[in-house]
């Protein structure tokens, strides 16, 4: 997704949504986004997902950093 897509997620509060996986398993997705260093700079995005079972104690997660020009900075 482009840099502009992530800007609304910078509210400071995580976005939490209940979804249903393709196999029918209910899952919880959490998205956190914040300025990595300074406002209007790089955005760090952290995503996590769990199925409410034992995974809730250690959900699958991934993070990345996106620069204002849309380039991928790193993980």
N, C-alpha and C. Protein backbone atom coordinates (compact mmCIF):
# COMPACT_ATOMS: atom_id res chain seq x y z
N UNK A 1 0.85 -1.17 0.00
CA UNK A 1 0.00 0.00 0.00
C UNK A 1 0.90 1.25 0.00
N UNK A 2 0.45 2.32 -0.62
CA UNK A 2 1.27 3.53 -0.66
C UNK A 2 1.34 4.23 0.70
N UNK A 3 2.29 5.11 0.82
CA UNK A 3 2.52 5.89 2.04
C UNK A 3 1.22 6.56 2.51
N UNK A 4 0.48 7.16 1.58
CA UNK A 4 -0.76 7.87 1.93
C UNK A 4 -1.80 6.96 2.57
N UNK A 5 -1.79 5.68 2.23
CA UNK A 5 -2.73 4.73 2.83
C UNK A 5 -2.55 4.65 4.34
N UNK A 6 -1.30 4.71 4.82
CA UNK A 6 -1.00 4.51 6.23
C UNK A 6 -1.19 5.76 7.08
N UNK A 7 -1.29 6.94 6.47
CA UNK A 7 -1.43 8.18 7.24
C UNK A 7 -2.61 8.18 8.20
N UNK A 8 -3.81 7.72 7.83
CA UNK A 8 -4.94 7.70 8.78
C UNK A 8 -4.71 6.78 9.99
N UNK A 9 -3.78 5.84 9.87
CA UNK A 9 -3.51 4.92 10.97
C UNK A 9 -2.62 5.54 12.05
N UNK A 10 -2.14 6.77 11.84
CA UNK A 10 -1.24 7.43 12.78
C UNK A 10 -1.97 8.11 13.93
N UNK A 11 -3.13 7.64 14.27
CA UNK A 11 -3.97 8.26 15.30
C UNK A 11 -3.41 8.08 16.71
N UNK A 12 -2.48 7.16 16.89
CA UNK A 12 -1.93 6.90 18.21
C UNK A 12 -2.56 5.70 18.88
N UNK A 13 -3.77 5.35 18.49
CA UNK A 13 -4.45 4.18 19.04
C UNK A 13 -4.37 3.05 18.03
N UNK A 14 -4.14 1.82 18.49
CA UNK A 14 -4.13 0.71 17.54
C UNK A 14 -5.51 0.49 16.94
N UNK A 15 -5.53 0.04 15.71
CA UNK A 15 -6.76 -0.33 15.04
C UNK A 15 -6.92 -1.83 15.24
N UNK A 16 -8.02 -2.26 15.81
CA UNK A 16 -8.26 -3.68 16.07
C UNK A 16 -9.54 -4.08 15.35
N UNK A 17 -9.46 -5.15 14.57
CA UNK A 17 -10.62 -5.63 13.83
C UNK A 17 -10.72 -7.15 13.95
N UNK A 18 -11.94 -7.61 14.06
CA UNK A 18 -12.22 -9.04 14.02
C UNK A 18 -12.49 -9.39 12.56
N UNK A 19 -11.82 -10.42 12.06
CA UNK A 19 -12.03 -10.88 10.69
C UNK A 19 -12.25 -12.39 10.72
N UNK A 20 -12.63 -12.93 9.57
CA UNK A 20 -12.76 -14.38 9.43
C UNK A 20 -11.78 -14.82 8.34
N UNK A 21 -10.89 -15.75 8.68
CA UNK A 21 -9.91 -16.27 7.73
C UNK A 21 -10.63 -17.09 6.66
N UNK A 22 -9.98 -17.32 5.54
CA UNK A 22 -10.60 -18.10 4.46
C UNK A 22 -11.10 -19.48 4.90
N UNK A 23 -10.47 -20.05 5.93
CA UNK A 23 -10.91 -21.38 6.40
C UNK A 23 -12.05 -21.28 7.41
N UNK A 24 -12.53 -20.05 7.68
CA UNK A 24 -13.64 -19.86 8.61
C UNK A 24 -13.24 -19.56 10.04
N UNK A 25 -11.95 -19.54 10.32
CA UNK A 25 -11.45 -19.27 11.67
C UNK A 25 -11.57 -17.78 11.99
N UNK A 26 -12.22 -17.41 13.09
CA UNK A 26 -12.26 -16.00 13.48
C UNK A 26 -10.88 -15.57 13.98
N UNK A 27 -10.46 -14.39 13.58
CA UNK A 27 -9.14 -13.88 13.95
C UNK A 27 -9.24 -12.42 14.37
N UNK A 28 -8.27 -11.99 15.14
CA UNK A 28 -8.15 -10.59 15.56
C UNK A 28 -6.90 -10.00 14.90
N UNK A 29 -7.09 -8.89 14.20
CA UNK A 29 -5.98 -8.20 13.54
C UNK A 29 -5.78 -6.87 14.24
N UNK A 30 -4.53 -6.54 14.54
CA UNK A 30 -4.19 -5.25 15.15
C UNK A 30 -3.15 -4.56 14.29
N UNK A 31 -3.40 -3.27 14.01
CA UNK A 31 -2.48 -2.45 13.22
C UNK A 31 -2.07 -1.26 14.06
N UNK A 32 -0.77 -1.07 14.18
CA UNK A 32 -0.21 0.10 14.84
C UNK A 32 0.68 0.81 13.84
N UNK A 33 0.55 2.11 13.73
CA UNK A 33 1.40 2.89 12.84
C UNK A 33 1.83 4.15 13.59
N UNK A 34 3.08 4.51 13.42
CA UNK A 34 3.59 5.72 14.06
C UNK A 34 4.80 6.23 13.30
N UNK A 35 5.10 7.51 13.54
CA UNK A 35 6.28 8.10 12.91
C UNK A 35 7.50 7.37 13.45
N UNK A 36 8.37 6.95 12.58
CA UNK A 36 9.54 6.19 13.00
C UNK A 36 10.58 7.09 13.67
N UNK A 37 10.73 8.30 13.17
CA UNK A 37 11.74 9.20 13.73
C UNK A 37 11.16 10.58 14.01
N UNK A 38 10.53 11.18 13.01
CA UNK A 38 9.97 12.52 13.16
C UNK A 38 8.70 12.64 12.33
N UNK A 39 7.80 13.55 12.70
CA UNK A 39 6.56 13.74 11.94
C UNK A 39 6.84 14.03 10.46
N UNK A 40 6.00 13.47 9.61
CA UNK A 40 6.09 13.61 8.16
C UNK A 40 7.31 12.91 7.57
N UNK A 41 7.92 12.05 8.37
CA UNK A 41 9.04 11.26 7.89
C UNK A 41 8.61 9.82 7.63
N UNK A 42 9.50 8.91 7.94
CA UNK A 42 9.20 7.49 7.75
C UNK A 42 8.08 7.03 8.69
N UNK A 43 7.29 6.08 8.22
CA UNK A 43 6.22 5.50 9.02
C UNK A 43 6.59 4.05 9.33
N UNK A 44 6.51 3.69 10.59
CA UNK A 44 6.69 2.30 11.00
C UNK A 44 5.30 1.70 11.21
N UNK A 45 5.06 0.56 10.58
CA UNK A 45 3.78 -0.13 10.68
C UNK A 45 4.03 -1.49 11.34
N UNK A 46 3.23 -1.80 12.35
CA UNK A 46 3.31 -3.09 13.04
C UNK A 46 1.96 -3.77 12.93
N UNK A 47 1.96 -4.98 12.41
CA UNK A 47 0.74 -5.76 12.22
C UNK A 47 0.84 -7.03 13.05
N UNK A 48 -0.26 -7.43 13.67
CA UNK A 48 -0.28 -8.71 14.37
C UNK A 48 -1.65 -9.35 14.17
N UNK A 49 -1.66 -10.68 14.21
CA UNK A 49 -2.91 -11.43 14.03
C UNK A 49 -2.87 -12.66 14.91
N UNK A 50 -4.02 -12.98 15.49
CA UNK A 50 -4.14 -14.22 16.28
C UNK A 50 -5.54 -14.77 16.13
N UNK A 51 -5.69 -16.04 16.48
CA UNK A 51 -6.99 -16.69 16.34
C UNK A 51 -7.73 -16.80 17.67
N UNK A 52 -7.25 -16.10 18.69
CA UNK A 52 -7.93 -16.10 19.98
C UNK A 52 -7.58 -17.28 20.86
N UNK A 53 -6.92 -18.26 20.32
CA UNK A 53 -6.51 -19.44 21.10
C UNK A 53 -5.15 -19.18 21.74
N UNK A 54 -4.32 -20.18 21.71
CA UNK A 54 -2.98 -20.03 22.28
C UNK A 54 -2.17 -18.97 21.54
N UNK A 55 -2.52 -18.73 20.27
CA UNK A 55 -1.83 -17.70 19.50
C UNK A 55 -1.98 -16.32 20.11
N UNK A 56 -3.03 -16.11 20.88
CA UNK A 56 -3.26 -14.79 21.48
C UNK A 56 -2.13 -14.42 22.44
N UNK A 57 -1.46 -15.41 23.01
CA UNK A 57 -0.35 -15.14 23.91
C UNK A 57 0.90 -14.73 23.15
N UNK A 58 1.02 -15.18 21.90
CA UNK A 58 2.18 -14.86 21.08
C UNK A 58 1.70 -14.78 19.62
N UNK A 59 1.02 -13.68 19.27
CA UNK A 59 0.45 -13.58 17.93
C UNK A 59 1.53 -13.48 16.86
N UNK A 60 1.14 -13.85 15.64
CA UNK A 60 2.03 -13.67 14.50
C UNK A 60 2.12 -12.18 14.24
N UNK A 61 3.32 -11.68 14.02
CA UNK A 61 3.48 -10.26 13.78
C UNK A 61 4.49 -9.96 12.70
N UNK A 62 4.39 -8.77 12.16
CA UNK A 62 5.32 -8.30 11.14
C UNK A 62 5.36 -6.78 11.22
N UNK A 63 6.51 -6.22 10.94
CA UNK A 63 6.60 -4.76 10.89
C UNK A 63 7.47 -4.34 9.73
N UNK A 64 7.28 -3.10 9.30
CA UNK A 64 8.08 -2.55 8.22
C UNK A 64 8.09 -1.04 8.34
N UNK A 65 9.01 -0.42 7.61
CA UNK A 65 9.14 1.04 7.60
C UNK A 65 9.00 1.50 6.15
N UNK A 66 8.20 2.55 5.97
CA UNK A 66 7.94 3.10 4.64
C UNK A 66 8.33 4.57 4.65
N UNK A 67 9.06 5.00 3.63
CA UNK A 67 9.49 6.41 3.55
C UNK A 67 8.42 7.24 2.84
N UNK A 68 8.47 8.57 2.97
CA UNK A 68 7.48 9.44 2.33
C UNK A 68 7.43 9.28 0.80
N UNK A 69 8.56 8.89 0.19
CA UNK A 69 8.54 8.69 -1.27
C UNK A 69 7.96 7.33 -1.66
N UNK A 70 7.51 6.57 -0.65
CA UNK A 70 6.88 5.28 -0.91
C UNK A 70 7.82 4.10 -0.95
N UNK A 71 9.11 4.37 -0.77
CA UNK A 71 10.06 3.25 -0.82
C UNK A 71 10.09 2.50 0.50
N UNK A 72 10.37 1.23 0.40
CA UNK A 72 10.48 0.34 1.55
C UNK A 72 11.84 0.58 2.21
N UNK A 73 11.83 0.95 3.49
CA UNK A 73 13.08 1.26 4.18
C UNK A 73 13.65 0.01 4.85
N UNK A 74 12.82 -0.79 5.46
CA UNK A 74 13.31 -2.00 6.12
C UNK A 74 12.29 -2.57 7.06
N UNK A 75 12.76 -3.60 7.78
CA UNK A 75 11.92 -4.28 8.75
C UNK A 75 12.51 -4.12 10.12
